[in-house]
Amino acid sequence: MEEYLKFRKMITPAIIQVVFYIGVGLCVIMGLVAIVSGASRYGSGALVLNGVLNIIIGPFLVWVFCSLLMLMSRVHDALTEMRGGQAGGDEAPDPAGSAPPAPPAAP
């Protein structure tokens, strides 16, 4: 629990999956409503076409959006993992330890 509170581990992937399923469900429901409305007495063929396209293209667009969000989350995880693998973790590197050796003294 402490890792979640300190934002070391992200809960975003689980939330993105829920958002994906909700988005797909809403696209299908909105498409069906548009088809039924278009097929009614006062509807039009354009509304039926809109509903069909919403059912076909809508879930794909939701998938693209959620994939981009998941990509950002995985990049964050990879960067956090790389940072954790460095010597010293959060500490700054020692500049004296990285200096080249001094040249030998002249005789």
PDB file of N, CA and C in Angstrom:
ATOM      1  N   MET A   1       0.820  -1.192   0.000  1.00  0.00           N
ATOM      2  CA  MET A   1       0.000   0.000   0.000  1.00  0.00           C
ATOM      3  C   MET A   1       0.863   1.254   0.000  1.00  0.00           C
ATOM      4  N   GLU A   2       2.009   1.166   0.661  1.00  0.00           N
ATOM      5  CA  GLU A   2       2.899   2.320   0.759  1.00  0.00           C
ATOM      6  C   GLU A   2       3.425   2.720  -0.621  1.00  0.00           C
ATOM      7  N   GLU A   3       3.662   1.723  -1.504  1.00  0.00           N
ATOM      8  CA  GLU A   3       4.156   2.032  -2.845  1.00  0.00           C
ATOM      9  C   GLU A   3       3.123   2.810  -3.650  1.00  0.00           C
ATOM     10  N   TYR A   4       1.850   2.527  -3.445  1.00  0.00           N
ATOM     11  CA  TYR A   4       0.795   3.269  -4.139  1.00  0.00           C
ATOM     12  C   TYR A   4       0.704   4.699  -3.617  1.00  0.00           C
ATOM     13  N   LEU A   5       0.831   4.860  -2.308  1.00  0.00           N
ATOM     14  CA  LEU A   5       0.706   6.191  -1.711  1.00  0.00           C
ATOM     15  C   LEU A   5       1.893   7.088  -2.050  1.00  0.00           C
ATOM     16  N   LYS A   6       3.053   6.490  -2.272  1.00  0.00           N
ATOM     17  CA  LYS A   6       4.229   7.277  -2.636  1.00  0.00           C
ATOM     18  C   LYS A   6       4.426   7.341  -4.150  1.00  0.00           C
ATOM     19  N   PHE A   7       3.464   6.825  -4.915  1.00  0.00           N
ATOM     20  CA  PHE A   7       3.459   6.845  -6.376  1.00  0.00           C
ATOM     21  C   PHE A   7       4.659   6.124  -6.979  1.00  0.00           C
ATOM     22  N   ARG A   8       5.139   5.093  -6.322  1.00  0.00           N
ATOM     23  CA  ARG A   8       6.193   4.267  -6.889  1.00  0.00           C
ATOM     24  C   ARG A   8       5.607   3.187  -7.790  1.00  0.00           C
ATOM     25  N   LYS A   9       4.398   2.768  -7.479  1.00  0.00           N
ATOM     26  CA  LYS A   9       3.703   1.786  -8.300  1.00  0.00           C
ATOM     27  C   LYS A   9       2.393   2.419  -8.758  1.00  0.00           C
ATOM     28  N   MET A  10       2.094   2.255 -10.024  1.00  0.00           N
ATOM     29  CA  MET A  10       0.923   2.918 -10.601  1.00  0.00           C
ATOM     30  C   MET A  10      -0.288   1.983 -10.600  1.00  0.00           C
ATOM     31  N   ILE A  11      -1.454   2.531 -10.326  1.00  0.00           N
ATOM     32  CA  ILE A  11      -2.699   1.774 -10.423  1.00  0.00           C
ATOM     33  C   ILE A  11      -3.352   2.029 -11.780  1.00  0.00           C
ATOM     34  N   THR A  12      -2.734   2.861 -12.569  1.00  0.00           N
ATOM     35  CA  THR A  12      -3.316   3.278 -13.842  1.00  0.00           C
ATOM     36  C   THR A  12      -3.678   2.113 -14.765  1.00  0.00           C
ATOM     37  N   PRO A  13      -2.845   1.073 -14.944  1.00  0.00           N
ATOM     38  CA  PRO A  13      -3.238  -0.007 -15.860  1.00  0.00           C
ATOM     39  C   PRO A  13      -4.571  -0.653 -15.512  1.00  0.00           C
ATOM     40  N   ALA A  14      -4.852  -0.867 -14.252  1.00  0.00           N
ATOM     41  CA  ALA A  14      -6.136  -1.470 -13.866  1.00  0.00           C
ATOM     42  C   ALA A  14      -7.293  -0.523 -14.170  1.00  0.00           C
ATOM     43  N   ILE A  15      -7.076   0.756 -13.929  1.00  0.00           N
ATOM     44  CA  ILE A  15      -8.124   1.749 -14.205  1.00  0.00           C
ATOM     45  C   ILE A  15      -8.355   1.873 -15.706  1.00  0.00           C
ATOM     46  N   ILE A  16      -7.282   1.805 -16.493  1.00  0.00           N
ATOM     47  CA  ILE A  16      -7.418   1.925 -17.947  1.00  0.00           C
ATOM     48  C   ILE A  16      -8.235   0.764 -18.504  1.00  0.00           C
ATOM     49  N   GLN A  17      -8.063  -0.423 -17.977  1.00  0.00           N
ATOM     50  CA  GLN A  17      -8.861  -1.566 -18.441  1.00  0.00           C
ATOM     51  C   GLN A  17     -10.342  -1.350 -18.152  1.00  0.00           C
ATOM     52  N   VAL A  18     -10.663  -0.819 -16.994  1.00  0.00           N
ATOM     53  CA  VAL A  18     -12.061  -0.536 -16.657  1.00  0.00           C
ATOM     54  C   VAL A  18     -12.617   0.539 -17.586  1.00  0.00           C
ATOM     55  N   VAL A  19     -11.830   1.580 -17.840  1.00  0.00           N
ATOM     56  CA  VAL A  19     -12.256   2.655 -18.752  1.00  0.00           C
ATOM     57  C   VAL A  19     -12.495   2.095 -20.155  1.00  0.00           C
ATOM     58  N   PHE A  20     -11.656   1.168 -20.591  1.00  0.00           N
ATOM     59  CA  PHE A  20     -11.823   0.567 -21.916  1.00  0.00           C
ATOM     60  C   PHE A  20     -13.164  -0.155 -22.028  1.00  0.00           C
ATOM     61  N   TYR A  21     -13.464  -1.009 -21.054  1.00  0.00           N
ATOM     62  CA  TYR A  21     -14.722  -1.757 -21.124  1.00  0.00           C
ATOM     63  C   TYR A  21     -15.940  -0.849 -21.014  1.00  0.00           C
ATOM     64  N   ILE A  22     -15.856   0.169 -20.192  1.00  0.00           N
ATOM     65  CA  ILE A  22     -16.965   1.127 -20.091  1.00  0.00           C
ATOM     66  C   ILE A  22     -17.126   1.873 -21.413  1.00  0.00           C
ATOM     67  N   GLY A  23     -16.010   2.292 -22.012  1.00  0.00           N
ATOM     68  CA  GLY A  23     -16.062   3.008 -23.288  1.00  0.00           C
ATOM     69  C   GLY A  23     -16.653   2.173 -24.406  1.00  0.00           C
ATOM     70  N   VAL A  24     -16.249   0.901 -24.488  1.00  0.00           N
ATOM     71  CA  VAL A  24     -16.796   0.015 -25.517  1.00  0.00           C
ATOM     72  C   VAL A  24     -18.291  -0.191 -25.296  1.00  0.00           C
ATOM     73  N   GLY A  25     -18.678  -0.392 -24.053  1.00  0.00           N
ATOM     74  CA  GLY A  25     -20.103  -0.562 -23.753  1.00  0.00           C
ATOM     75  C   GLY A  25     -20.921   0.663 -24.135  1.00  0.00           C
ATOM     76  N   LEU A  26     -20.399   1.849 -23.831  1.00  0.00           N
ATOM     77  CA  LEU A  26     -21.106   3.082 -24.188  1.00  0.00           C
ATOM     78  C   LEU A  26     -21.198   3.260 -25.704  1.00  0.00           C
ATOM     79  N   CYS A  27     -20.139   2.904 -26.426  1.00  0.00           N
ATOM     80  CA  CYS A  27     -20.180   3.012 -27.889  1.00  0.00           C
ATOM     81  C   CYS A  27     -21.262   2.108 -28.474  1.00  0.00           C
ATOM     82  N   VAL A  28     -21.341   0.888 -27.982  1.00  0.00           N
ATOM     83  CA  VAL A  28     -22.345  -0.055 -28.493  1.00  0.00           C
ATOM     84  C   VAL A  28     -23.746   0.418 -28.132  1.00  0.00           C
ATOM     85  N   ILE A  29     -23.950   0.862 -26.896  1.00  0.00           N
ATOM     86  CA  ILE A  29     -25.281   1.333 -26.485  1.00  0.00           C
ATOM     87  C   ILE A  29     -25.691   2.567 -27.300  1.00  0.00           C
ATOM     88  N   MET A  30     -24.765   3.520 -27.463  1.00  0.00           N
ATOM     89  CA  MET A  30     -25.091   4.720 -28.241  1.00  0.00           C
ATOM     90  C   MET A  30     -25.373   4.375 -29.702  1.00  0.00           C
ATOM     91  N   GLY A  31     -24.641   3.400 -30.251  1.00  0.00           N
ATOM     92  CA  GLY A  31     -24.896   2.970 -31.621  1.00  0.00           C
ATOM     93  C   GLY A  31     -26.268   2.331 -31.768  1.00  0.00           C
ATOM     94  N   LEU A  32     -26.639   1.492 -30.809  1.00  0.00           N
ATOM     95  CA  LEU A  32     -27.963   0.858 -30.866  1.00  0.00           C
ATOM     96  C   LEU A  32     -29.080   1.885 -30.721  1.00  0.00           C
ATOM     97  N   VAL A  33     -28.879   2.870 -29.841  1.00  0.00           N
ATOM     98  CA  VAL A  33     -29.887   3.928 -29.687  1.00  0.00           C
ATOM     99  C   VAL A  33     -30.029   4.715 -30.982  1.00  0.00           C
ATOM    100  N   ALA A  34     -28.911   5.013 -31.630  1.00  0.00           N
ATOM    101  CA  ALA A  34     -28.966   5.759 -32.897  1.00  0.00           C
ATOM    102  C   ALA A  34     -29.661   4.944 -33.982  1.00  0.00           C
ATOM    103  N   ILE A  35     -29.400   3.639 -34.028  1.00  0.00           N
ATOM    104  CA  ILE A  35     -30.052   2.795 -35.033  1.00  0.00           C
ATOM    105  C   ILE A  35     -31.559   2.737 -34.800  1.00  0.00           C
ATOM    106  N   VAL A  36     -31.962   2.563 -33.551  1.00  0.00           N
ATOM    107  CA  VAL A  36     -33.397   2.503 -33.237  1.00  0.00           C
ATOM    108  C   VAL A  36     -34.058   3.854 -33.534  1.00  0.00           C
ATOM    109  N   SER A  37     -33.385   4.936 -33.174  1.00  0.00           N
ATOM    110  CA  SER A  37     -33.951   6.264 -33.454  1.00  0.00           C
ATOM    111  C   SER A  37     -34.038   6.518 -34.947  1.00  0.00           C
ATOM    112  N   GLY A  38     -33.031   6.087 -35.692  1.00  0.00           N
ATOM    113  CA  GLY A  38     -33.047   6.286 -37.136  1.00  0.00           C
ATOM    114  C   GLY A  38     -34.087   5.434 -37.834  1.00  0.00           C
ATOM    115  N   ALA A  39     -34.390   4.280 -37.277  1.00  0.00           N
ATOM    116  CA  ALA A  39     -35.368   3.387 -37.886  1.00  0.00           C
ATOM    117  C   ALA A  39     -36.799   3.749 -37.503  1.00  0.00           C
ATOM    118  N   SER A  40     -36.952   4.692 -36.588  1.00  0.00           N
ATOM    119  CA  SER A  40     -38.310   5.074 -36.179  1.00  0.00           C
ATOM    120  C   SER A  40     -38.974   5.922 -37.263  1.00  0.00           C
ATOM    121  N   ARG A  41     -40.173   6.314 -36.992  1.00  0.00           N
ATOM    122  CA  ARG A  41     -40.978   7.057 -37.961  1.00  0.00           C
ATOM    123  C   ARG A  41     -40.341   8.392 -38.326  1.00  0.00           C
ATOM    124  N   TYR A  42     -39.714   9.076 -37.366  1.00  0.00           N
ATOM    125  CA  TYR A  42     -39.148  10.393 -37.621  1.00  0.00           C
ATOM    126  C   TYR A  42     -37.635  10.356 -37.830  1.00  0.00           C
ATOM    127  N   GLY A  43     -37.060   9.182 -37.921  1.00  0.00           N
ATOM    128  CA  GLY A  43     -35.619   9.038 -38.086  1.00  0.00           C
ATOM    129  C   GLY A  43     -35.202   9.147 -39.539  1.00  0.00           C
ATOM    130  N   SER A  44     -33.910   8.997 -39.749  1.00  0.00           N
ATOM    131  CA  SER A  44     -33.377   9.053 -41.109  1.00  0.00           C
ATOM    132  C   SER A  44     -32.326   7.961 -41.287  1.00  0.00           C
ATOM    133  N   GLY A  45     -32.005   7.711 -42.549  1.00  0.00           N
ATOM    134  CA  GLY A  45     -30.981   6.716 -42.857  1.00  0.00           C
ATOM    135  C   GLY A  45     -29.612   7.138 -42.368  1.00  0.00           C
ATOM    136  N   ALA A  46     -29.372   8.441 -42.332  1.00  0.00           N
ATOM    137  CA  ALA A  46     -28.072   8.936 -41.856  1.00  0.00           C
ATOM    138  C   ALA A  46     -27.868   8.591 -40.387  1.00  0.00           C
ATOM    139  N   LEU A  47     -28.934   8.626 -39.624  1.00  0.00           N
ATOM    140  CA  LEU A  47     -28.833   8.284 -38.200  1.00  0.00           C
ATOM    141  C   LEU A  47     -28.554   6.793 -38.020  1.00  0.00           C
ATOM    142  N   VAL A  48     -29.154   5.972 -38.870  1.00  0.00           N
ATOM    143  CA  VAL A  48     -28.880   4.532 -38.820  1.00  0.00           C
ATOM    144  C   VAL A  48     -27.421   4.274 -39.183  1.00  0.00           C
ATOM    145  N   LEU A  49     -26.933   4.950 -40.229  1.00  0.00           N
ATOM    146  CA  LEU A  49     -25.528   4.807 -40.625  1.00  0.00           C
ATOM    147  C   LEU A  49     -24.593   5.280 -39.515  1.00  0.00           C
ATOM    148  N   ASN A  50     -24.955   6.373 -38.878  1.00  0.00           N
ATOM    149  CA  ASN A  50     -24.173   6.883 -37.755  1.00  0.00           C
ATOM    150  C   ASN A  50     -24.096   5.838 -36.638  1.00  0.00           C
ATOM    151  N   GLY A  51     -25.204   5.192 -36.343  1.00  0.00           N
ATOM    152  CA  GLY A  51     -25.223   4.168 -35.304  1.00  0.00           C
ATOM    153  C   GLY A  51     -24.353   2.973 -35.645  1.00  0.00           C
ATOM    154  N   VAL A  52     -24.419   2.536 -36.905  1.00  0.00           N
ATOM    155  CA  VAL A  52     -23.602   1.400 -37.330  1.00  0.00           C
ATOM    156  C   VAL A  52     -22.119   1.753 -37.252  1.00  0.00           C
ATOM    157  N   LEU A  53     -21.760   2.940 -37.716  1.00  0.00           N
ATOM    158  CA  LEU A  53     -20.361   3.374 -37.652  1.00  0.00           C
ATOM    159  C   LEU A  53     -19.894   3.537 -36.214  1.00  0.00           C
ATOM    160  N   ASN A  54     -20.798   3.982 -35.359  1.00  0.00           N
ATOM    161  CA  ASN A  54     -20.449   4.127 -33.944  1.00  0.00           C
ATOM    162  C   ASN A  54     -20.155   2.766 -33.314  1.00  0.00           C
ATOM    163  N   ILE A  55     -20.898   1.750 -33.697  1.00  0.00           N
ATOM    164  CA  ILE A  55     -20.668   0.408 -33.164  1.00  0.00           C
ATOM    165  C   ILE A  55     -19.373  -0.183 -33.710  1.00  0.00           C
ATOM    166  N   ILE A  56     -19.040   0.127 -34.963  1.00  0.00           N
ATOM    167  CA  ILE A  56     -17.849  -0.453 -35.585  1.00  0.00           C
ATOM    168  C   ILE A  56     -16.582   0.325 -35.224  1.00  0.00           C
ATOM    169  N   ILE A  57     -16.609   1.641 -35.382  1.00  0.00           N
ATOM    170  CA  ILE A  57     -15.405   2.462 -35.225  1.00  0.00           C
ATOM    171  C   ILE A  57     -15.195   2.897 -33.777  1.00  0.00           C
ATOM    172  N   GLY A  58     -16.257   3.091 -33.029  1.00  0.00           N
ATOM    173  CA  GLY A  58     -16.156   3.571 -31.655  1.00  0.00           C
ATOM    174  C   GLY A  58     -15.253   2.741 -30.761  1.00  0.00           C
ATOM    175  N   PRO A  59     -15.449   1.415 -30.690  1.00  0.00           N
ATOM    176  CA  PRO A  59     -14.565   0.603 -29.840  1.00  0.00           C
ATOM    177  C   PRO A  59     -13.099   0.663 -30.277  1.00  0.00           C
ATOM    178  N   PHE A  60     -12.855   0.777 -31.580  1.00  0.00           N
ATOM    179  CA  PHE A  60     -11.476   0.893 -32.054  1.00  0.00           C
ATOM    180  C   PHE A  60     -10.837   2.184 -31.556  1.00  0.00           C
ATOM    181  N   LEU A  61     -11.569   3.284 -31.608  1.00  0.00           N
ATOM    182  CA  LEU A  61     -11.027   4.553 -31.125  1.00  0.00           C
ATOM    183  C   LEU A  61     -10.812   4.537 -29.612  1.00  0.00           C
ATOM    184  N   VAL A  62     -11.695   3.884 -28.891  1.00  0.00           N
ATOM    185  CA  VAL A  62     -11.509   3.741 -27.441  1.00  0.00           C
ATOM    186  C   VAL A  62     -10.259   2.911 -27.171  1.00  0.00           C
ATOM    187  N   TRP A  63     -10.039   1.859 -27.973  1.00  0.00           N
ATOM    188  CA  TRP A  63      -8.849   1.019 -27.811  1.00  0.00           C
ATOM    189  C   TRP A  63      -7.572   1.826 -28.066  1.00  0.00           C
ATOM    190  N   VAL A  64      -7.576   2.662 -29.109  1.00  0.00           N
ATOM    191  CA  VAL A  64      -6.402   3.489 -29.409  1.00  0.00           C
ATOM    192  C   VAL A  64      -6.119   4.437 -28.244  1.00  0.00           C
ATOM    193  N   PHE A  65      -7.143   5.089 -27.739  1.00  0.00           N
ATOM    194  CA  PHE A  65      -6.975   6.017 -26.624  1.00  0.00           C
ATOM    195  C   PHE A  65      -6.414   5.299 -25.397  1.00  0.00           C
ATOM    196  N   CYS A  66      -6.989   4.157 -25.056  1.00  0.00           N
ATOM    197  CA  CYS A  66      -6.526   3.409 -23.882  1.00  0.00           C
ATOM    198  C   CYS A  66      -5.130   2.844 -24.095  1.00  0.00           C
ATOM    199  N   SER A  67      -4.783   2.478 -25.324  1.00  0.00           N
ATOM    200  CA  SER A  67      -3.431   1.988 -25.606  1.00  0.00           C
ATOM    201  C   SER A  67      -2.402   3.086 -25.399  1.00  0.00           C
ATOM    202  N   LEU A  68      -2.729   4.306 -25.800  1.00  0.00           N
ATOM    203  CA  LEU A  68      -1.806   5.420 -25.579  1.00  0.00           C
ATOM    204  C   LEU A  68      -1.623   5.689 -24.084  1.00  0.00           C
ATOM    205  N   LEU A  69      -2.702   5.617 -23.332  1.00  0.00           N
ATOM    206  CA  LEU A  69      -2.586   5.791 -21.888  1.00  0.00           C
ATOM    207  C   LEU A  69      -1.747   4.678 -21.259  1.00  0.00           C
ATOM    208  N   MET A  70      -1.948   3.445 -21.723  1.00  0.00           N
ATOM    209  CA  MET A  70      -1.180   2.318 -21.200  1.00  0.00           C
ATOM    210  C   MET A  70       0.293   2.449 -21.570  1.00  0.00           C
ATOM    211  N   LEU A  71       0.562   2.956 -22.763  1.00  0.00           N
ATOM    212  CA  LEU A  71       1.946   3.154 -23.193  1.00  0.00           C
ATOM    213  C   LEU A  71       2.660   4.139 -22.273  1.00  0.00           C
ATOM    214  N   MET A  72       1.993   5.232 -21.940  1.00  0.00           N
ATOM    215  CA  MET A  72       2.600   6.206 -21.034  1.00  0.00           C
ATOM    216  C   MET A  72       2.855   5.582 -19.657  1.00  0.00           C
ATOM    217  N   SER A  73       1.959   4.756 -19.200  1.00  0.00           N
ATOM    218  CA  SER A  73       2.134   4.106 -17.909  1.00  0.00           C
ATOM    219  C   SER A  73       3.313   3.136 -17.942  1.00  0.00           C
ATOM    220  N   ARG A  74       3.452   2.399 -19.030  1.00  0.00           N
ATOM    221  CA  ARG A  74       4.565   1.446 -19.129  1.00  0.00           C
ATOM    222  C   ARG A  74       5.905   2.152 -19.287  1.00  0.00           C
ATOM    223  N   VAL A  75       5.918   3.283 -19.988  1.00  0.00           N
ATOM    224  CA  VAL A  75       7.149   4.065 -20.085  1.00  0.00           C
ATOM    225  C   VAL A  75       7.553   4.543 -18.693  1.00  0.00           C
ATOM    226  N   HIS A  76       6.578   4.986 -17.907  1.00  0.00           N
ATOM    227  CA  HIS A  76       6.859   5.403 -16.532  1.00  0.00           C
ATOM    228  C   HIS A  76       7.442   4.254 -15.718  1.00  0.00           C
ATOM    229  N   ASP A  77       6.848   3.064 -15.861  1.00  0.00           N
ATOM    230  CA  ASP A  77       7.349   1.905 -15.126  1.00  0.00           C
ATOM    231  C   ASP A  77       8.777   1.567 -15.544  1.00  0.00           C
ATOM    232  N   ALA A  78       9.056   1.633 -16.855  1.00  0.00           N
ATOM    233  CA  ALA A  78      10.400   1.311 -17.345  1.00  0.00           C
ATOM    234  C   ALA A  78      11.421   2.323 -16.838  1.00  0.00           C
ATOM    235  N   LEU A  79      11.046   3.599 -16.847  1.00  0.00           N
ATOM    236  CA  LEU A  79      11.972   4.620 -16.353  1.00  0.00           C
ATOM    237  C   LEU A  79      12.216   4.473 -14.858  1.00  0.00           C
ATOM    238  N   THR A  80      11.180   4.123 -14.124  1.00  0.00           N
ATOM    239  CA  THR A  80      11.335   3.904 -12.687  1.00  0.00           C
ATOM    240  C   THR A  80      12.250   2.709 -12.427  1.00  0.00           C
ATOM    241  N   GLU A  81      12.105   1.671 -13.229  1.00  0.00           N
ATOM    242  CA  GLU A  81      12.939   0.483 -13.085  1.00  0.00           C
ATOM    243  C   GLU A  81      14.398   0.809 -13.419  1.00  0.00           C
ATOM    244  N   MET A  82      14.620   1.607 -14.464  1.00  0.00           N
ATOM    245  CA  MET A  82      15.980   1.990 -14.828  1.00  0.00           C
ATOM    246  C   MET A  82      16.609   2.854 -13.738  1.00  0.00           C
ATOM    247  N   ARG A  83      15.829   3.731 -13.172  1.00  0.00           N
ATOM    248  CA  ARG A  83      16.328   4.599 -12.115  1.00  0.00           C
ATOM    249  C   ARG A  83      16.693   3.785 -10.878  1.00  0.00           C
ATOM    250  N   GLY A  84      15.912   2.785 -10.576  1.00  0.00           N
ATOM    251  CA  GLY A  84      16.179   1.938  -9.417  1.00  0.00           C
ATOM    252  C   GLY A  84      17.429   1.086  -9.603  1.00  0.00           C
ATOM    253  N   GLY A  85      17.807   0.808 -10.848  1.00  0.00           N
ATOM    254  CA  GLY A  85      18.973  -0.010 -11.117  1.00  0.00           C
ATOM    255  C   GLY A  85      20.280   0.745 -11.039  1.00  0.00           C
ATOM    256  N   GLN A  86      20.239   2.071 -10.960  1.00  0.00           N
ATOM    257  CA  GLN A  86      21.460   2.862 -10.882  1.00  0.00           C
ATOM    258  C   GLN A  86      22.085   2.721  -9.506  1.00  0.00           C
ATOM    259  N   ALA A  87      23.397   2.858  -9.464  1.00  0.00           N
ATOM    260  CA  ALA A  87      24.091   2.796  -8.178  1.00  0.00           C
ATOM    261  C   ALA A  87      23.747   4.031  -7.369  1.00  0.00           C
ATOM    262  N   GLY A  88      23.362   3.834  -6.131  1.00  0.00           N
ATOM    263  CA  GLY A  88      23.075   4.963  -5.260  1.00  0.00           C
ATOM    264  C   GLY A  88      21.630   5.401  -5.276  1.00  0.00           C
ATOM    265  N   GLY A  89      20.830   4.956  -6.222  1.00  0.00           N
ATOM    266  CA  GLY A  89      19.412   5.323  -6.251  1.00  0.00           C
ATOM    267  C   GLY A  89      19.197   6.798  -6.487  1.00  0.00           C
ATOM    268  N   ASP A  90      18.684   7.519  -5.468  1.00  0.00           N
ATOM    269  CA  ASP A  90      18.352   8.933  -5.607  1.00  0.00           C
ATOM    270  C   ASP A  90      19.547   9.856  -5.379  1.00  0.00           C
ATOM    271  N   GLU A  91      20.665   9.315  -4.926  1.00  0.00           N
ATOM    272  CA  GLU A  91      21.809  10.155  -4.603  1.00  0.00           C
ATOM    273  C   GLU A  91      22.494  10.649  -5.874  1.00  0.00           C
ATOM    274  N   ALA A  92      23.090  11.845  -5.786  1.00  0.00           N
ATOM    275  CA  ALA A  92      23.833  12.394  -6.910  1.00  0.00           C
ATOM    276  C   ALA A  92      25.171  11.675  -7.026  1.00  0.00           C
ATOM    277  N   PRO A  93      25.698  11.524  -8.256  1.00  0.00           N
ATOM    278  CA  PRO A  93      26.979  10.847  -8.410  1.00  0.00           C
ATOM    279  C   PRO A  93      28.109  11.667  -7.801  1.00  0.00           C
ATOM    280  N   ASP A  94      29.152  10.983  -7.341  1.00  0.00           N
ATOM    281  CA  ASP A  94      30.307  11.630  -6.726  1.00  0.00           C
ATOM    282  C   ASP A  94      31.233  12.154  -7.829  1.00  0.00           C
ATOM    283  N   PRO A  95      31.408  13.481  -7.962  1.00  0.00           N
ATOM    284  CA  PRO A  95      32.238  13.992  -9.039  1.00  0.00           C
ATOM    285  C   PRO A  95      33.710  13.652  -8.865  1.00  0.00           C
ATOM    286  N   ALA A  96      34.198  13.484  -7.646  1.00  0.00           N
ATOM    287  CA  ALA A  96      35.610  13.150  -7.433  1.00  0.00           C
ATOM    288  C   ALA A  96      35.907  11.741  -7.899  1.00  0.00           C
ATOM    289  N   GLY A  97      34.962  10.852  -7.791  1.00  0.00           N
ATOM    290  CA  GLY A  97      35.182   9.478  -8.190  1.00  0.00           C
ATOM    291  C   GLY A  97      35.196   9.289  -9.698  1.00  0.00           C
ATOM    292  N   SER A  98      34.656  10.228 -10.446  1.00  0.00           N
ATOM    293  CA  SER A  98      34.597  10.070 -11.885  1.00  0.00           C
ATOM    294  C   SER A  98      35.688  10.849 -12.613  1.00  0.00           C
ATOM    295  N   ALA A  99      36.593  11.534 -11.879  1.00  0.00           N
ATOM    296  CA  ALA A  99      37.666  12.300 -12.519  1.00  0.00           C
ATOM    297  C   ALA A  99      38.749  11.345 -13.021  1.00  0.00           C
ATOM    298  N   PRO A 100      39.398  11.683 -14.153  1.00  0.00           N
ATOM    299  CA  PRO A 100      40.473  10.817 -14.663  1.00  0.00           C
ATOM    300  C   PRO A 100      41.685  10.891 -13.739  1.00  0.00           C
ATOM    301  N   PRO A 101      42.528   9.897 -13.765  1.00  0.00           N
ATOM    302  CA  PRO A 101      43.708   9.915 -12.893  1.00  0.00           C
ATOM    303  C   PRO A 101      44.664  11.022 -13.310  1.00  0.00           C
ATOM    304  N   ALA A 102      45.426  11.541 -12.326  1.00  0.00           N
ATOM    305  CA  ALA A 102      46.386  12.607 -12.602  1.00  0.00           C
ATOM    306  C   ALA A 102      47.574  12.057 -13.376  1.00  0.00           C
ATOM    307  N   PRO A 103      48.162  12.864 -14.270  1.00  0.00           N
ATOM    308  CA  PRO A 103      49.330  12.375 -15.024  1.00  0.00           C
ATOM    309  C   PRO A 103      50.530  12.188 -14.085  1.00  0.00           C
ATOM    310  N   PRO A 104      51.457  11.296 -14.459  1.00  0.00           N
ATOM    311  CA  PRO A 104      52.609  11.073 -13.597  1.00  0.00           C
ATOM    312  C   PRO A 104      53.481  12.318 -13.526  1.00  0.00           C
ATOM    313  N   ALA A 105      54.166  12.490 -12.391  1.00  0.00           N
ATOM    314  CA  ALA A 105      55.037  13.644 -12.186  1.00  0.00           C
ATOM    315  C   ALA A 105      56.288  13.517 -13.042  1.00  0.00           C
ATOM    316  N   ALA A 106      56.788  14.654 -13.513  1.00  0.00           N
ATOM    317  CA  ALA A 106      58.001  14.665 -14.345  1.00  0.00           C
ATOM    318  C   ALA A 106      59.239  14.435 -13.485  1.00  0.00           C
ATOM    319  N   PRO A 107      60.248  13.692 -13.989  1.00  0.00           N
ATOM    320  CA  PRO A 107      61.451  13.440 -13.172  1.00  0.00           C
ATOM    321  C   PRO A 107      62.350  14.627 -13.057  1.00  0.00           C
TER     322      PRO A 107
END
